[in-house]
Amino acid sequence: MSHREEWFDVVDHRDQVIDRQTRRVVHEQGLRHRAIHVLVFNQAGQVFLQKRAMTKDASPGLWDSSCSGHVDAGENYDTAAQRELLEELGVKASRELQRLTHLVASPETTQEFIRIYRLQHEGPFVLDPDEIETGDWITVEALNHQIAQTPTAFCPVFRHVWTTIGGLGPP
């Protein structure tokens, strides 16, 4: 994790910016803010999942979306998705990113408005060790089975994201 202080836009119930606060304040006070999740699929229809580093402050050691992160203050969702892909997976992608849906801030999203993206990519990836312990490809069917069998192995927000998009298979 970066040593710089992270600043987030605080948003209202319509996802309109109303303030700017540090990551710590936003999380401690449960303020609404923005995040992105990118689901990377390969040509075989498998999705790449990351296992979060044990040093993460939220959901350490749990399986999560291919790439996820906060939208920094003054940044838009698309730019954040591109930045996070580069930081976490070493992937440079812009036009290839497909917007899937947008989740409203709720207890299930830890008060994050989340834009969900899909990317077709075969890897290999350069995983950021500060963010990611490991990663692996998994079929949609196997993932749905594992979530049903051991839901606590997966980040709660990721389970909400995956359920919302209906466990999408290949395009």
C-alpha atoms as a PDB file:
ATOM      1  CA  MET A   1       0.000   0.000   0.000  1.00  0.00           C
ATOM      2  CA  SER A   2       1.172   3.482  -0.809  1.00  0.00           C
ATOM      3  CA  HIS A   3       2.561   5.667   1.952  1.00  0.00           C
ATOM      4  CA  ARG A   4       0.752   8.743   0.670  1.00  0.00           C
ATOM      5  CA  GLU A   5      -2.524   9.749   2.305  1.00  0.00           C
ATOM      6  CA  GLU A   6      -5.422   8.599   0.138  1.00  0.00           C
ATOM      7  CA  TRP A   7      -8.263  11.068  -0.444  1.00  0.00           C
ATOM      8  CA  PHE A   8     -11.736  10.066  -1.634  1.00  0.00           C
ATOM      9  CA  ASP A   9     -14.721  12.016  -2.860  1.00  0.00           C
ATOM     10  CA  VAL A  10     -17.606  11.702  -0.412  1.00  0.00           C
ATOM     11  CA  VAL A  11     -20.886  11.422  -2.324  1.00  0.00           C
ATOM     12  CA  ASP A  12     -24.587  11.735  -1.550  1.00  0.00           C
ATOM     13  CA  HIS A  13     -27.310   9.144  -2.192  1.00  0.00           C
ATOM     14  CA  ARG A  14     -27.327  10.156  -5.907  1.00  0.00           C
ATOM     15  CA  ASP A  15     -23.528   9.633  -6.255  1.00  0.00           C
ATOM     16  CA  GLN A  16     -22.923  13.395  -6.448  1.00  0.00           C
ATOM     17  CA  VAL A  17     -19.736  14.704  -4.810  1.00  0.00           C
ATOM     18  CA  ILE A  18     -20.448  16.617  -1.586  1.00  0.00           C
ATOM     19  CA  ASP A  19     -17.090  16.500   0.224  1.00  0.00           C
ATOM     20  CA  ARG A  20     -13.538  15.160   0.166  1.00  0.00           C
ATOM     21  CA  GLN A  21     -12.070  13.138   3.053  1.00  0.00           C
ATOM     22  CA  THR A  22      -9.180  10.800   3.805  1.00  0.00           C
ATOM     23  CA  ARG A  23      -9.575   7.053   3.414  1.00  0.00           C
ATOM     24  CA  ARG A  24      -9.423   6.655   7.189  1.00  0.00           C
ATOM     25  CA  VAL A  25     -12.235   9.156   7.850  1.00  0.00           C
ATOM     26  CA  VAL A  26     -14.416   7.745   5.044  1.00  0.00           C
ATOM     27  CA  HIS A  27     -14.115   4.194   6.386  1.00  0.00           C
ATOM     28  CA  GLU A  28     -14.336   5.070  10.091  1.00  0.00           C
ATOM     29  CA  GLN A  29     -17.484   7.158   9.573  1.00  0.00           C
ATOM     30  CA  GLY A  30     -19.054   4.868   6.945  1.00  0.00           C
ATOM     31  CA  LEU A  31     -19.372   7.693   4.409  1.00  0.00           C
ATOM     32  CA  ARG A  32     -20.586   7.014   0.868  1.00  0.00           C
ATOM     33  CA  HIS A  33     -17.764   6.889  -1.669  1.00  0.00           C
ATOM     34  CA  ARG A  34     -16.836   5.304  -4.999  1.00  0.00           C
ATOM     35  CA  ALA A  35     -15.095   2.106  -6.087  1.00  0.00           C
ATOM     36  CA  ILE A  36     -14.552  -0.058  -9.157  1.00  0.00           C
ATOM     37  CA  HIS A  37     -14.444  -3.810  -9.728  1.00  0.00           C
ATOM     38  CA  VAL A  38     -13.028  -5.331 -12.917  1.00  0.00           C
ATOM     39  CA  LEU A  39     -13.747  -8.940 -13.852  1.00  0.00           C
ATOM     40  CA  VAL A  40     -11.136 -10.288 -16.266  1.00  0.00           C
ATOM     41  CA  PHE A  41     -12.199 -13.220 -18.445  1.00  0.00           C
ATOM     42  CA  ASN A  42     -10.010 -15.253 -20.794  1.00  0.00           C
ATOM     43  CA  GLN A  43     -11.076 -16.782 -24.120  1.00  0.00           C
ATOM     44  CA  ALA A  44     -11.875 -20.059 -22.368  1.00  0.00           C
ATOM     45  CA  GLY A  45     -14.525 -18.200 -20.311  1.00  0.00           C
ATOM     46  CA  GLN A  46     -12.649 -18.441 -17.025  1.00  0.00           C
ATOM     47  CA  VAL A  47     -12.533 -15.475 -14.655  1.00  0.00           C
ATOM     48  CA  PHE A  48      -9.305 -14.403 -12.942  1.00  0.00           C
ATOM     49  CA  LEU A  49      -9.624 -13.923  -9.180  1.00  0.00           C
ATOM     50  CA  GLN A  50      -7.111 -12.365  -6.845  1.00  0.00           C
ATOM     51  CA  LYS A  51      -6.439 -13.473  -3.287  1.00  0.00           C
ATOM     52  CA  ARG A  52      -5.970 -10.328  -1.242  1.00  0.00           C
ATOM     53  CA  ALA A  53      -2.684  -9.852   0.601  1.00  0.00           C
ATOM     54  CA  MET A  54      -2.749 -10.624   4.328  1.00  0.00           C
ATOM     55  CA  THR A  55      -1.608  -7.031   4.994  1.00  0.00           C
ATOM     56  CA  LYS A  56      -4.821  -5.514   3.558  1.00  0.00           C
ATOM     57  CA  ASP A  57      -6.989  -3.621   6.080  1.00  0.00           C
ATOM     58  CA  ALA A  58     -10.204  -5.087   4.670  1.00  0.00           C
ATOM     59  CA  SER A  59     -10.842  -8.763   3.856  1.00  0.00           C
ATOM     60  CA  PRO A  60      -7.190  -9.900   4.073  1.00  0.00           C
ATOM     61  CA  GLY A  61      -6.526 -13.318   2.532  1.00  0.00           C
ATOM     62  CA  LEU A  62      -9.948 -13.540   0.868  1.00  0.00           C
ATOM     63  CA  TRP A  63     -10.672 -14.070  -2.828  1.00  0.00           C
ATOM     64  CA  ASP A  64     -11.867 -10.977  -4.682  1.00  0.00           C
ATOM     65  CA  SER A  65     -12.610  -9.583  -8.138  1.00  0.00           C
ATOM     66  CA  SER A  66      -9.776  -9.679 -10.667  1.00  0.00           C
ATOM     67  CA  CYS A  67      -9.109  -6.053  -9.784  1.00  0.00           C
ATOM     68  CA  SER A  68     -10.842  -3.663  -7.426  1.00  0.00           C
ATOM     69  CA  GLY A  69     -10.151  -0.374  -5.751  1.00  0.00           C
ATOM     70  CA  HIS A  70     -11.339   3.022  -4.705  1.00  0.00           C
ATOM     71  CA  VAL A  71     -11.924   5.960  -6.985  1.00  0.00           C
ATOM     72  CA  ASP A  72      -9.542   8.695  -5.822  1.00  0.00           C
ATOM     73  CA  ALA A  73     -10.767  12.233  -5.150  1.00  0.00           C
ATOM     74  CA  GLY A  74     -11.263  14.076  -8.422  1.00  0.00           C
ATOM     75  CA  GLU A  75     -11.007  10.873 -10.477  1.00  0.00           C
ATOM     76  CA  ASN A  76     -13.795   9.267 -12.521  1.00  0.00           C
ATOM     77  CA  TYR A  77     -14.754   5.589 -12.544  1.00  0.00           C
ATOM     78  CA  ASP A  78     -13.210   4.789 -15.939  1.00  0.00           C
ATOM     79  CA  THR A  79      -9.867   6.363 -15.035  1.00  0.00           C
ATOM     80  CA  ALA A  80      -9.846   4.548 -11.679  1.00  0.00           C
ATOM     81  CA  ALA A  81     -10.507   1.204 -13.401  1.00  0.00           C
ATOM     82  CA  GLN A  82      -7.609   1.780 -15.802  1.00  0.00           C
ATOM     83  CA  ARG A  83      -5.293   2.887 -12.954  1.00  0.00           C
ATOM     84  CA  GLU A  84      -6.175  -0.065 -10.735  1.00  0.00           C
ATOM     85  CA  LEU A  85      -5.692  -2.559 -13.586  1.00  0.00           C
ATOM     86  CA  LEU A  86      -2.218  -1.179 -14.181  1.00  0.00           C
ATOM     87  CA  GLU A  87      -1.315  -1.011 -10.457  1.00  0.00           C
ATOM     88  CA  GLU A  88      -2.678  -4.409  -9.410  1.00  0.00           C
ATOM     89  CA  LEU A  89      -2.310  -6.586 -12.524  1.00  0.00           C
ATOM     90  CA  GLY A  90       0.141  -4.682 -14.739  1.00  0.00           C
ATOM     91  CA  VAL A  91      -2.492  -4.466 -17.508  1.00  0.00           C
ATOM     92  CA  LYS A  92      -2.870  -1.376 -19.675  1.00  0.00           C
ATOM     93  CA  ALA A  93      -6.467  -1.281 -20.906  1.00  0.00           C
ATOM     94  CA  SER A  94      -8.794   1.510 -21.923  1.00  0.00           C
ATOM     95  CA  ARG A  95     -11.050   0.910 -24.915  1.00  0.00           C
ATOM     96  CA  GLU A  96     -11.218  -2.790 -24.068  1.00  0.00           C
ATOM     97  CA  LEU A  97     -12.987  -2.139 -20.760  1.00  0.00           C
ATOM     98  CA  GLN A  98     -16.697  -2.906 -20.930  1.00  0.00           C
ATOM     99  CA  ARG A  99     -19.044  -1.310 -18.385  1.00  0.00           C
ATOM    100  CA  LEU A 100     -21.430  -3.910 -16.978  1.00  0.00           C
ATOM    101  CA  THR A 101     -23.462  -2.166 -14.287  1.00  0.00           C
ATOM    102  CA  HIS A 102     -23.379   0.257 -11.378  1.00  0.00           C
ATOM    103  CA  LEU A 103     -24.279  -0.671  -7.799  1.00  0.00           C
ATOM    104  CA  VAL A 104     -25.696   1.866  -5.379  1.00  0.00           C
ATOM    105  CA  ALA A 105     -24.047   2.471  -2.019  1.00  0.00           C
ATOM    106  CA  SER A 106     -25.505   0.160   0.626  1.00  0.00           C
ATOM    107  CA  PRO A 107     -24.418  -1.895   3.638  1.00  0.00           C
ATOM    108  CA  GLU A 108     -23.648  -4.764   1.184  1.00  0.00           C
ATOM    109  CA  THR A 109     -21.183  -2.555  -0.706  1.00  0.00           C
ATOM    110  CA  THR A 110     -19.722  -0.997   2.477  1.00  0.00           C
ATOM    111  CA  GLN A 111     -21.281   2.333   1.386  1.00  0.00           C
ATOM    112  CA  GLU A 112     -19.493   2.273  -1.972  1.00  0.00           C
ATOM    113  CA  PHE A 113     -21.089   3.161  -5.278  1.00  0.00           C
ATOM    114  CA  ILE A 114     -19.460   0.500  -7.461  1.00  0.00           C
ATOM    115  CA  ARG A 115     -19.053   0.491 -11.205  1.00  0.00           C
ATOM    116  CA  ILE A 116     -18.403  -3.037 -12.478  1.00  0.00           C
ATOM    117  CA  TYR A 117     -16.350  -3.623 -15.610  1.00  0.00           C
ATOM    118  CA  ARG A 118     -15.465  -6.632 -17.702  1.00  0.00           C
ATOM    119  CA  LEU A 119     -12.195  -7.136 -19.590  1.00  0.00           C
ATOM    120  CA  GLN A 120     -11.125  -9.854 -22.002  1.00  0.00           C
ATOM    121  CA  HIS A 121      -7.436 -10.671 -21.328  1.00  0.00           C
ATOM    122  CA  GLU A 122      -5.316 -13.801 -21.415  1.00  0.00           C
ATOM    123  CA  GLY A 123      -2.603 -12.674 -18.995  1.00  0.00           C
ATOM    124  CA  PRO A 124       0.052 -13.081 -17.855  1.00  0.00           C
ATOM    125  CA  PHE A 125      -0.317 -10.570 -15.059  1.00  0.00           C
ATOM    126  CA  VAL A 126       2.218  -8.751 -12.907  1.00  0.00           C
ATOM    127  CA  LEU A 127       0.617  -8.939  -9.450  1.00  0.00           C
ATOM    128  CA  ASP A 128       1.299  -6.159  -6.938  1.00  0.00           C
ATOM    129  CA  PRO A 129       2.571  -8.013  -3.819  1.00  0.00           C
ATOM    130  CA  ASP A 130       1.319  -5.212  -1.536  1.00  0.00           C
ATOM    131  CA  GLU A 131      -2.212  -5.852  -2.800  1.00  0.00           C
ATOM    132  CA  ILE A 132      -2.333  -9.470  -3.964  1.00  0.00           C
ATOM    133  CA  GLU A 133      -1.039 -12.703  -2.427  1.00  0.00           C
ATOM    134  CA  THR A 134      -1.814 -14.786  -5.510  1.00  0.00           C
ATOM    135  CA  GLY A 135      -4.323 -15.129  -8.318  1.00  0.00           C
ATOM    136  CA  ASP A 136      -5.903 -17.891 -10.357  1.00  0.00           C
ATOM    137  CA  TRP A 137      -8.267 -18.588 -13.248  1.00  0.00           C
ATOM    138  CA  ILE A 138     -11.514 -20.380 -12.415  1.00  0.00           C
ATOM    139  CA  THR A 139     -14.525 -21.424 -14.451  1.00  0.00           C
ATOM    140  CA  VAL A 140     -17.811 -19.662 -13.763  1.00  0.00           C
ATOM    141  CA  GLU A 141     -19.377 -22.983 -12.730  1.00  0.00           C
ATOM    142  CA  ALA A 142     -16.556 -23.816 -10.306  1.00  0.00           C
ATOM    143  CA  LEU A 143     -16.680 -20.307  -8.843  1.00  0.00           C
ATOM    144  CA  ASN A 144     -20.434 -20.479  -8.293  1.00  0.00           C
ATOM    145  CA  HIS A 145     -19.949 -23.879  -6.602  1.00  0.00           C
ATOM    146  CA  GLN A 146     -17.116 -22.633  -4.357  1.00  0.00           C
ATOM    147  CA  ILE A 147     -19.065 -19.529  -3.313  1.00  0.00           C
ATOM    148  CA  ALA A 148     -22.008 -21.764  -2.369  1.00  0.00           C
ATOM    149  CA  GLN A 149     -19.759 -24.202  -0.462  1.00  0.00           C
ATOM    150  CA  THR A 150     -17.399 -21.765   1.298  1.00  0.00           C
ATOM    151  CA  PRO A 151     -18.765 -18.221   1.060  1.00  0.00           C
ATOM    152  CA  THR A 152     -16.414 -16.960   3.797  1.00  0.00           C
ATOM    153  CA  ALA A 153     -13.396 -17.591   1.521  1.00  0.00           C
ATOM    154  CA  PHE A 154     -14.610 -14.680  -0.642  1.00  0.00           C
ATOM    155  CA  CYS A 155     -14.852 -10.958   0.087  1.00  0.00           C
ATOM    156  CA  PRO A 156     -18.431 -10.067   1.037  1.00  0.00           C
ATOM    157  CA  VAL A 157     -18.484  -7.194  -1.487  1.00  0.00           C
ATOM    158  CA  PHE A 158     -17.212  -9.521  -4.238  1.00  0.00           C
ATOM    159  CA  ARG A 159     -20.020 -12.003  -3.445  1.00  0.00           C
ATOM    160  CA  HIS A 160     -22.511  -9.135  -3.786  1.00  0.00           C
ATOM    161  CA  VAL A 161     -20.918  -8.008  -7.079  1.00  0.00           C
ATOM    162  CA  TRP A 162     -20.901 -11.570  -8.474  1.00  0.00           C
ATOM    163  CA  THR A 163     -24.523 -12.199  -7.448  1.00  0.00           C
ATOM    164  CA  THR A 164     -25.610  -8.876  -8.949  1.00  0.00           C
ATOM    165  CA  ILE A 165     -24.135  -9.646 -12.359  1.00  0.00           C
ATOM    166  CA  GLY A 166     -25.567 -13.147 -12.216  1.00  0.00           C
ATOM    167  CA  GLY A 167     -22.295 -15.058 -12.387  1.00  0.00           C
ATOM    168  CA  LEU A 168     -21.707 -14.024 -15.988  1.00  0.00           C
ATOM    169  CA  GLY A 169     -20.071 -16.473 -18.306  1.00  0.00           C
ATOM    170  CA  PRO A 170     -18.085 -15.713 -21.440  1.00  0.00           C
ATOM    171  CA  PRO A 171     -19.368 -12.975 -23.777  1.00  0.00           C
END
